[in-house]
Amino acid sequence: MSERKQRRAPKPIAVGRKDLGVWKLGVVRFDVRDPYHLAVSLSWPGFFLAMVGCWLAVNLVFALLYVLDPGGVTNARPWAFSDVLFFSMETLATVGYGVMAPATLYSHTVAAAEIVSGTVFTAIFTGLLFVRFARPRAKIVFADNVVITTHNGQPTLMLRLANARTSIMTSANARLFVLLAETTAEGGFFRRIHDLQLAQSHLPVFVMPWTLLHVIDETSPLHGQDLD
């Protein structure tokens, strides 16, 4: 690794999920180099605060550019930052009230750049808002505990789930996995995800609660496992 890449590498901090018991070293929680993922992963209050912050920052930058040209905006008091700030907000939104307008070539240039920036900002904000609203989210509720009991004379792992929406879900498919710690032939520690075979993995209509059944027989990854 080159010296330049080493300087850009994230600091070795721990980021993880306590509920999953997984921790990662050398990663960052919020990577500004990936703004799209950051924008769609923020909470709704955080998303709106970030958008308002960006909007204010853009207006402040252009207001500073306008205030450097006293008299460049018609009916704006010279060096009056509040006047050019409101003019910047109106220009960014492409809303003109006819009271203030660019009067010099410099102000016309800055206003043209702000109009383009406002169009881009509106497009980005609208796109992110659509993506956040368009993400499908299934309201599936699960039982608090997984049960292992005898079912039809065989030890069976059972997990109950239900559709929490009032609408009817059709063609529902389910898969169940288990993460097991294994020891390799060389004596090394290894984690492996196993697919648990279900007695019924597809429902044409998901209306009533659905109990997933996995028979623990000789072919099951859970065969011979205990609570430890």
C-alpha atoms as a PDB file:
ATOM      1  CA  MET A   1       0.000   0.000   0.000  1.00  0.00           C
ATOM      2  CA  SER A   2       1.385   3.392  -0.964  1.00  0.00           C
ATOM      3  CA  GLU A   3       2.038   6.116   1.585  1.00  0.00           C
ATOM      4  CA  ARG A   4      -0.780   8.215   0.107  1.00  0.00           C
ATOM      5  CA  LYS A   5      -3.336   5.423   0.539  1.00  0.00           C
ATOM      6  CA  GLN A   6      -2.144   4.781   4.071  1.00  0.00           C
ATOM      7  CA  ARG A   7      -2.839   8.391   5.020  1.00  0.00           C
ATOM      8  CA  ARG A   8      -6.371   8.144   3.620  1.00  0.00           C
ATOM      9  CA  ALA A   9      -7.175   4.878   5.370  1.00  0.00           C
ATOM     10  CA  PRO A  10      -9.825   5.228   8.104  1.00  0.00           C
ATOM     11  CA  LYS A  11      -8.748   5.196  11.686  1.00  0.00           C
ATOM     12  CA  PRO A  12      -9.003   1.789  13.382  1.00  0.00           C
ATOM     13  CA  ILE A  13     -12.231   2.333  15.285  1.00  0.00           C
ATOM     14  CA  ALA A  14     -14.807  -0.253  16.284  1.00  0.00           C
ATOM     15  CA  VAL A  15     -18.205  -0.080  14.586  1.00  0.00           C
ATOM     16  CA  GLY A  16     -20.772  -2.752  15.212  1.00  0.00           C
ATOM     17  CA  ARG A  17     -24.224  -3.954  16.115  1.00  0.00           C
ATOM     18  CA  LYS A  18     -24.692  -5.049  19.693  1.00  0.00           C
ATOM     19  CA  ASP A  19     -27.843  -6.972  18.793  1.00  0.00           C
ATOM     20  CA  LEU A  20     -25.898  -9.032  16.245  1.00  0.00           C
ATOM     21  CA  GLY A  21     -22.698  -9.328  18.259  1.00  0.00           C
ATOM     22  CA  VAL A  22     -20.655  -8.231  15.226  1.00  0.00           C
ATOM     23  CA  TRP A  23     -17.925  -5.602  15.381  1.00  0.00           C
ATOM     24  CA  LYS A  24     -15.748  -4.246  12.595  1.00  0.00           C
ATOM     25  CA  LEU A  25     -12.330  -2.655  12.982  1.00  0.00           C
ATOM     26  CA  GLY A  26     -10.851  -0.064  10.648  1.00  0.00           C
ATOM     27  CA  VAL A  27     -14.154   1.240   9.256  1.00  0.00           C
ATOM     28  CA  VAL A  28     -16.033   4.499   9.666  1.00  0.00           C
ATOM     29  CA  ARG A  29     -19.686   4.844  10.588  1.00  0.00           C
ATOM     30  CA  PHE A  30     -20.318   7.786   8.245  1.00  0.00           C
ATOM     31  CA  ASP A  31     -18.217   7.915   5.086  1.00  0.00           C
ATOM     32  CA  VAL A  32     -18.525  11.327   3.400  1.00  0.00           C
ATOM     33  CA  ARG A  33     -17.009   9.815   0.263  1.00  0.00           C
ATOM     34  CA  ASP A  34     -20.252   7.877  -0.213  1.00  0.00           C
ATOM     35  CA  PRO A  35     -22.899  10.633   0.108  1.00  0.00           C
ATOM     36  CA  TYR A  36     -25.692   8.619  -1.537  1.00  0.00           C
ATOM     37  CA  HIS A  37     -25.518   5.776   0.983  1.00  0.00           C
ATOM     38  CA  LEU A  38     -25.217   8.305   3.788  1.00  0.00           C
ATOM     39  CA  ALA A  39     -28.311  10.175   2.597  1.00  0.00           C
ATOM     40  CA  VAL A  40     -30.520   7.073   2.275  1.00  0.00           C
ATOM     41  CA  SER A  41     -29.336   5.523   5.551  1.00  0.00           C
ATOM     42  CA  LEU A  42     -29.978   8.580   7.725  1.00  0.00           C
ATOM     43  CA  SER A  43     -33.096   8.763   9.847  1.00  0.00           C
ATOM     44  CA  TRP A  44     -35.868  11.035   8.592  1.00  0.00           C
ATOM     45  CA  PRO A  45     -35.055  13.830  11.090  1.00  0.00           C
ATOM     46  CA  GLY A  46     -31.367  13.538  10.254  1.00  0.00           C
ATOM     47  CA  PHE A  47     -32.117  13.587   6.524  1.00  0.00           C
ATOM     48  CA  PHE A  48     -34.188  16.772   6.726  1.00  0.00           C
ATOM     49  CA  LEU A  49     -31.648  18.445   9.005  1.00  0.00           C
ATOM     50  CA  ALA A  50     -28.890  17.590   6.521  1.00  0.00           C
ATOM     51  CA  MET A  51     -30.896  18.952   3.585  1.00  0.00           C
ATOM     52  CA  VAL A  52     -31.748  22.168   5.458  1.00  0.00           C
ATOM     53  CA  GLY A  53     -28.095  22.530   6.435  1.00  0.00           C
ATOM     54  CA  CYS A  54     -26.968  22.138   2.813  1.00  0.00           C
ATOM     55  CA  TRP A  55     -29.614  24.617   1.670  1.00  0.00           C
ATOM     56  CA  LEU A  56     -28.503  27.190   4.224  1.00  0.00           C
ATOM     57  CA  ALA A  57     -24.835  26.640   3.381  1.00  0.00           C
ATOM     58  CA  VAL A  58     -25.449  27.214  -0.343  1.00  0.00           C
ATOM     59  CA  ASN A  59     -27.422  30.392   0.355  1.00  0.00           C
ATOM     60  CA  LEU A  60     -24.774  31.719   2.713  1.00  0.00           C
ATOM     61  CA  VAL A  61     -22.036  31.155   0.136  1.00  0.00           C
ATOM     62  CA  PHE A  62     -23.916  33.000  -2.600  1.00  0.00           C
ATOM     63  CA  ALA A  63     -24.954  35.771  -0.199  1.00  0.00           C
ATOM     64  CA  LEU A  64     -21.283  36.335   0.578  1.00  0.00           C
ATOM     65  CA  LEU A  65     -20.588  36.599  -3.142  1.00  0.00           C
ATOM     66  CA  TYR A  66     -23.389  39.133  -3.598  1.00  0.00           C
ATOM     67  CA  VAL A  67     -22.337  41.280  -0.649  1.00  0.00           C
ATOM     68  CA  LEU A  68     -18.875  41.693  -2.201  1.00  0.00           C
ATOM     69  CA  ASP A  69     -20.489  43.790  -4.937  1.00  0.00           C
ATOM     70  CA  PRO A  70     -22.244  46.749  -3.228  1.00  0.00           C
ATOM     71  CA  GLY A  71     -24.992  48.022  -5.477  1.00  0.00           C
ATOM     72  CA  GLY A  72     -24.848  44.883  -7.607  1.00  0.00           C
ATOM     73  CA  VAL A  73     -28.384  43.942  -6.550  1.00  0.00           C
ATOM     74  CA  THR A  74     -31.127  46.451  -7.212  1.00  0.00           C
ATOM     75  CA  ASN A  75     -32.867  47.818  -4.081  1.00  0.00           C
ATOM     76  CA  ALA A  76     -30.449  45.920  -1.811  1.00  0.00           C
ATOM     77  CA  ARG A  77     -28.711  48.128   0.722  1.00  0.00           C
ATOM     78  CA  PRO A  78     -24.907  48.220   0.291  1.00  0.00           C
ATOM     79  CA  TRP A  79     -23.184  45.722   2.586  1.00  0.00           C
ATOM     80  CA  ALA A  80     -26.579  44.603   3.950  1.00  0.00           C
ATOM     81  CA  PHE A  81     -26.061  40.868   4.302  1.00  0.00           C
ATOM     82  CA  SER A  82     -29.704  40.160   5.170  1.00  0.00           C
ATOM     83  CA  ASP A  83     -30.904  41.737   1.914  1.00  0.00           C
ATOM     84  CA  VAL A  84     -28.643  39.686  -0.324  1.00  0.00           C
ATOM     85  CA  LEU A  85     -29.324  36.568   1.780  1.00  0.00           C
ATOM     86  CA  PHE A  86     -33.050  36.777   1.059  1.00  0.00           C
ATOM     87  CA  PHE A  87     -32.269  37.578  -2.559  1.00  0.00           C
ATOM     88  CA  SER A  88     -30.096  34.445  -2.666  1.00  0.00           C
ATOM     89  CA  MET A  89     -32.943  32.324  -1.277  1.00  0.00           C
ATOM     90  CA  GLU A  90     -35.332  33.692  -3.891  1.00  0.00           C
ATOM     91  CA  THR A  91     -32.835  33.146  -6.693  1.00  0.00           C
ATOM     92  CA  LEU A  92     -31.966  29.610  -5.566  1.00  0.00           C
ATOM     93  CA  ALA A  93     -35.657  28.725  -5.673  1.00  0.00           C
ATOM     94  CA  THR A  94     -36.028  30.526  -9.057  1.00  0.00           C
ATOM     95  CA  VAL A  95     -38.685  32.744  -7.477  1.00  0.00           C
ATOM     96  CA  GLY A  96     -38.434  36.398  -8.492  1.00  0.00           C
ATOM     97  CA  TYR A  97     -40.606  39.027  -6.808  1.00  0.00           C
ATOM     98  CA  GLY A  98     -39.368  41.871  -8.997  1.00  0.00           C
ATOM     99  CA  VAL A  99     -38.137  43.961  -6.052  1.00  0.00           C
ATOM    100  CA  MET A 100     -34.482  42.935  -6.175  1.00  0.00           C
ATOM    101  CA  ALA A 101     -32.614  41.929  -9.318  1.00  0.00           C
ATOM    102  CA  PRO A 102     -28.987  41.717 -10.520  1.00  0.00           C
ATOM    103  CA  ALA A 103     -27.693  45.105 -11.729  1.00  0.00           C
ATOM    104  CA  THR A 104     -24.074  44.384 -12.699  1.00  0.00           C
ATOM    105  CA  LEU A 105     -22.287  41.797 -14.802  1.00  0.00           C
ATOM    106  CA  TYR A 106     -20.757  40.306 -11.660  1.00  0.00           C
ATOM    107  CA  SER A 107     -24.151  39.879  -9.958  1.00  0.00           C
ATOM    108  CA  HIS A 108     -25.706  38.497 -13.147  1.00  0.00           C
ATOM    109  CA  THR A 109     -22.916  35.905 -13.312  1.00  0.00           C
ATOM    110  CA  VAL A 110     -23.360  34.921  -9.668  1.00  0.00           C
ATOM    111  CA  ALA A 111     -27.151  34.745 -10.099  1.00  0.00           C
ATOM    112  CA  ALA A 112     -26.799  32.514 -13.162  1.00  0.00           C
ATOM    113  CA  ALA A 113     -24.501  30.170 -11.239  1.00  0.00           C
ATOM    114  CA  GLU A 114     -26.962  30.099  -8.337  1.00  0.00           C
ATOM    115  CA  ILE A 115     -29.897  29.280 -10.610  1.00  0.00           C
ATOM    116  CA  VAL A 116     -27.982  26.295 -11.985  1.00  0.00           C
ATOM    117  CA  SER A 117     -27.032  25.251  -8.431  1.00  0.00           C
ATOM    118  CA  GLY A 118     -30.657  25.571  -7.333  1.00  0.00           C
ATOM    119  CA  THR A 119     -31.819  23.347 -10.180  1.00  0.00           C
ATOM    120  CA  VAL A 120     -29.215  20.710  -9.296  1.00  0.00           C
ATOM    121  CA  PHE A 121     -30.023  20.907  -5.567  1.00  0.00           C
ATOM    122  CA  THR A 122     -33.752  20.526  -6.229  1.00  0.00           C
ATOM    123  CA  ALA A 123     -33.161  17.539  -8.514  1.00  0.00           C
ATOM    124  CA  ILE A 124     -30.895  15.817  -5.983  1.00  0.00           C
ATOM    125  CA  PHE A 125     -33.238  16.461  -3.058  1.00  0.00           C
ATOM    126  CA  THR A 126     -36.273  15.272  -5.052  1.00  0.00           C
ATOM    127  CA  GLY A 127     -34.441  12.123  -6.160  1.00  0.00           C
ATOM    128  CA  LEU A 128     -33.302  11.254  -2.633  1.00  0.00           C
ATOM    129  CA  LEU A 129     -36.776  11.913  -1.276  1.00  0.00           C
ATOM    130  CA  PHE A 130     -38.291   9.605  -3.899  1.00  0.00           C
ATOM    131  CA  VAL A 131     -35.744   6.859  -3.162  1.00  0.00           C
ATOM    132  CA  ARG A 132     -36.464   7.010   0.570  1.00  0.00           C
ATOM    133  CA  PHE A 133     -40.228   6.868   0.014  1.00  0.00           C
ATOM    134  CA  ALA A 134     -40.008   4.199  -2.702  1.00  0.00           C
ATOM    135  CA  ARG A 135     -38.032   1.678  -0.652  1.00  0.00           C
ATOM    136  CA  PRO A 136     -40.360  -1.277   0.033  1.00  0.00           C
ATOM    137  CA  ARG A 137     -40.569  -2.338   3.631  1.00  0.00           C
ATOM    138  CA  ALA A 138     -42.404  -5.468   4.644  1.00  0.00           C
ATOM    139  CA  LYS A 139     -44.002  -5.352   8.079  1.00  0.00           C
ATOM    140  CA  ILE A 140     -43.271  -8.880   9.202  1.00  0.00           C
ATOM    141  CA  VAL A 141     -43.426  -9.543  12.930  1.00  0.00           C
ATOM    142  CA  PHE A 142     -41.652 -12.477  14.526  1.00  0.00           C
ATOM    143  CA  ALA A 143     -42.090 -14.339  17.768  1.00  0.00           C
ATOM    144  CA  ASP A 144     -39.678 -13.344  20.505  1.00  0.00           C
ATOM    145  CA  ASN A 145     -38.317 -16.866  20.863  1.00  0.00           C
ATOM    146  CA  VAL A 146     -37.454 -19.758  18.596  1.00  0.00           C
ATOM    147  CA  VAL A 147     -38.811 -23.061  19.898  1.00  0.00           C
ATOM    148  CA  ILE A 148     -37.336 -26.550  19.548  1.00  0.00           C
ATOM    149  CA  THR A 149     -39.865 -29.218  20.402  1.00  0.00           C
ATOM    150  CA  THR A 150     -41.199 -32.545  19.193  1.00  0.00           C
ATOM    151  CA  HIS A 151     -43.462 -32.255  16.150  1.00  0.00           C
ATOM    152  CA  ASN A 152     -44.880 -35.353  14.465  1.00  0.00           C
ATOM    153  CA  GLY A 153     -42.461 -37.464  16.478  1.00  0.00           C
ATOM    154  CA  GLN A 154     -39.335 -35.559  15.394  1.00  0.00           C
ATOM    155  CA  PRO A 155     -37.370 -32.742  17.034  1.00  0.00           C
ATOM    156  CA  THR A 156     -38.286 -29.597  15.135  1.00  0.00           C
ATOM    157  CA  LEU A 157     -37.200 -25.990  15.237  1.00  0.00           C
ATOM    158  CA  MET A 158     -40.234 -23.711  15.034  1.00  0.00           C
ATOM    159  CA  LEU A 159     -40.449 -19.967  14.370  1.00  0.00           C
ATOM    160  CA  ARG A 160     -43.757 -18.114  14.073  1.00  0.00           C
ATOM    161  CA  LEU A 161     -44.189 -14.975  11.988  1.00  0.00           C
ATOM    162  CA  ALA A 162     -47.115 -12.912  10.752  1.00  0.00           C
ATOM    163  CA  ASN A 163     -47.934 -10.156   8.301  1.00  0.00           C
ATOM    164  CA  ALA A 164     -48.514  -6.963  10.288  1.00  0.00           C
ATOM    165  CA  ARG A 165     -50.162  -5.157   7.377  1.00  0.00           C
ATOM    166  CA  THR A 166     -53.902  -5.249   6.757  1.00  0.00           C
ATOM    167  CA  SER A 167     -53.303  -6.019   3.089  1.00  0.00           C
ATOM    168  CA  ILE A 168     -52.912  -9.599   1.881  1.00  0.00           C
ATOM    169  CA  MET A 169     -49.437 -10.714   0.864  1.00  0.00           C
ATOM    170  CA  THR A 170     -49.284 -13.206  -1.992  1.00  0.00           C
ATOM    171  CA  SER A 171     -46.523 -15.575  -3.067  1.00  0.00           C
ATOM    172  CA  ALA A 172     -44.550 -15.289   0.176  1.00  0.00           C
ATOM    173  CA  ASN A 173     -41.199 -17.074   0.370  1.00  0.00           C
ATOM    174  CA  ALA A 174     -39.130 -17.745   3.467  1.00  0.00           C
ATOM    175  CA  ARG A 175     -35.593 -18.941   4.109  1.00  0.00           C
ATOM    176  CA  LEU A 176     -34.006 -19.713   7.437  1.00  0.00           C
ATOM    177  CA  PHE A 177     -30.300 -19.662   8.214  1.00  0.00           C
ATOM    178  CA  VAL A 178     -28.135 -20.429  11.196  1.00  0.00           C
ATOM    179  CA  LEU A 179     -24.618 -19.197  11.977  1.00  0.00           C
ATOM    180  CA  LEU A 180     -22.465 -21.898  13.542  1.00  0.00           C
ATOM    181  CA  ALA A 181     -18.931 -21.873  14.856  1.00  0.00           C
ATOM    182  CA  GLU A 182     -16.898 -24.759  13.493  1.00  0.00           C
ATOM    183  CA  THR A 183     -13.420 -26.154  13.880  1.00  0.00           C
ATOM    184  CA  THR A 184     -11.567 -26.974  10.679  1.00  0.00           C
ATOM    185  CA  ALA A 185      -9.513 -30.105  10.109  1.00  0.00           C
ATOM    186  CA  GLU A 186      -6.416 -28.025  10.844  1.00  0.00           C
ATOM    187  CA  GLY A 187      -7.841 -26.962  14.200  1.00  0.00           C
ATOM    188  CA  GLY A 188      -8.756 -23.444  13.120  1.00  0.00           C
ATOM    189  CA  PHE A 189     -11.829 -21.485  14.191  1.00  0.00           C
ATOM    190  CA  PHE A 190     -14.366 -20.821  11.431  1.00  0.00           C
ATOM    191  CA  ARG A 191     -17.868 -19.327  11.246  1.00  0.00           C
ATOM    192  CA  ARG A 192     -20.239 -20.690   8.633  1.00  0.00           C
ATOM    193  CA  ILE A 193     -23.804 -19.862   7.646  1.00  0.00           C
ATOM    194  CA  HIS A 194     -25.993 -22.894   6.977  1.00  0.00           C
ATOM    195  CA  ASP A 195     -29.283 -22.988   5.106  1.00  0.00           C
ATOM    196  CA  LEU A 196     -31.981 -24.728   7.142  1.00  0.00           C
ATOM    197  CA  GLN A 197     -34.380 -26.822   5.083  1.00  0.00           C
ATOM    198  CA  LEU A 198     -37.987 -25.843   5.791  1.00  0.00           C
ATOM    199  CA  ALA A 199     -40.992 -28.120   5.684  1.00  0.00           C
ATOM    200  CA  GLN A 200     -42.808 -25.354   3.781  1.00  0.00           C
ATOM    201  CA  SER A 201     -40.927 -22.392   2.360  1.00  0.00           C
ATOM    202  CA  HIS A 202     -43.657 -20.914   0.142  1.00  0.00           C
ATOM    203  CA  LEU A 203     -47.175 -19.667   0.788  1.00  0.00           C
ATOM    204  CA  PRO A 204     -49.449 -18.644  -2.086  1.00  0.00           C
ATOM    205  CA  VAL A 205     -51.400 -16.372   0.281  1.00  0.00           C
ATOM    206  CA  PHE A 206     -49.906 -15.053   3.516  1.00  0.00           C
ATOM    207  CA  VAL A 207     -52.936 -14.204   5.654  1.00  0.00           C
ATOM    208  CA  MET A 208     -52.752 -16.207   8.864  1.00  0.00           C
ATOM    209  CA  PRO A 209     -49.669 -16.552  11.093  1.00  0.00           C
ATOM    210  CA  TRP A 210     -47.033 -18.767   9.522  1.00  0.00           C
ATOM    211  CA  THR A 211     -44.933 -21.199  11.507  1.00  0.00           C
ATOM    212  CA  LEU A 212     -41.633 -22.123   9.905  1.00  0.00           C
ATOM    213  CA  LEU A 213     -40.688 -25.748  10.605  1.00  0.00           C
ATOM    214  CA  HIS A 214     -37.209 -27.214  10.330  1.00  0.00           C
ATOM    215  CA  VAL A 215     -36.878 -30.901  11.167  1.00  0.00           C
ATOM    216  CA  ILE A 216     -33.660 -31.620  13.062  1.00  0.00           C
ATOM    217  CA  ASP A 217     -32.647 -34.953  11.581  1.00  0.00           C
ATOM    218  CA  GLU A 218     -29.303 -36.423  10.528  1.00  0.00           C
ATOM    219  CA  THR A 219     -29.074 -34.037   7.552  1.00  0.00           C
ATOM    220  CA  SER A 220     -29.744 -30.915   9.609  1.00  0.00           C
ATOM    221  CA  PRO A 221     -26.825 -28.599  10.535  1.00  0.00           C
ATOM    222  CA  LEU A 222     -28.333 -28.481  14.034  1.00  0.00           C
ATOM    223  CA  HIS A 223     -28.075 -32.251  14.494  1.00  0.00           C
ATOM    224  CA  GLY A 224     -25.959 -32.979  17.559  1.00  0.00           C
ATOM    225  CA  GLN A 225     -25.851 -29.358  18.674  1.00  0.00           C
ATOM    226  CA  ASP A 226     -26.611 -28.349  22.247  1.00  0.00           C
ATOM    227  CA  LEU A 227     -27.290 -25.036  23.991  1.00  0.00           C
ATOM    228  CA  ASP A 228     -23.568 -24.351  24.368  1.00  0.00           C
END
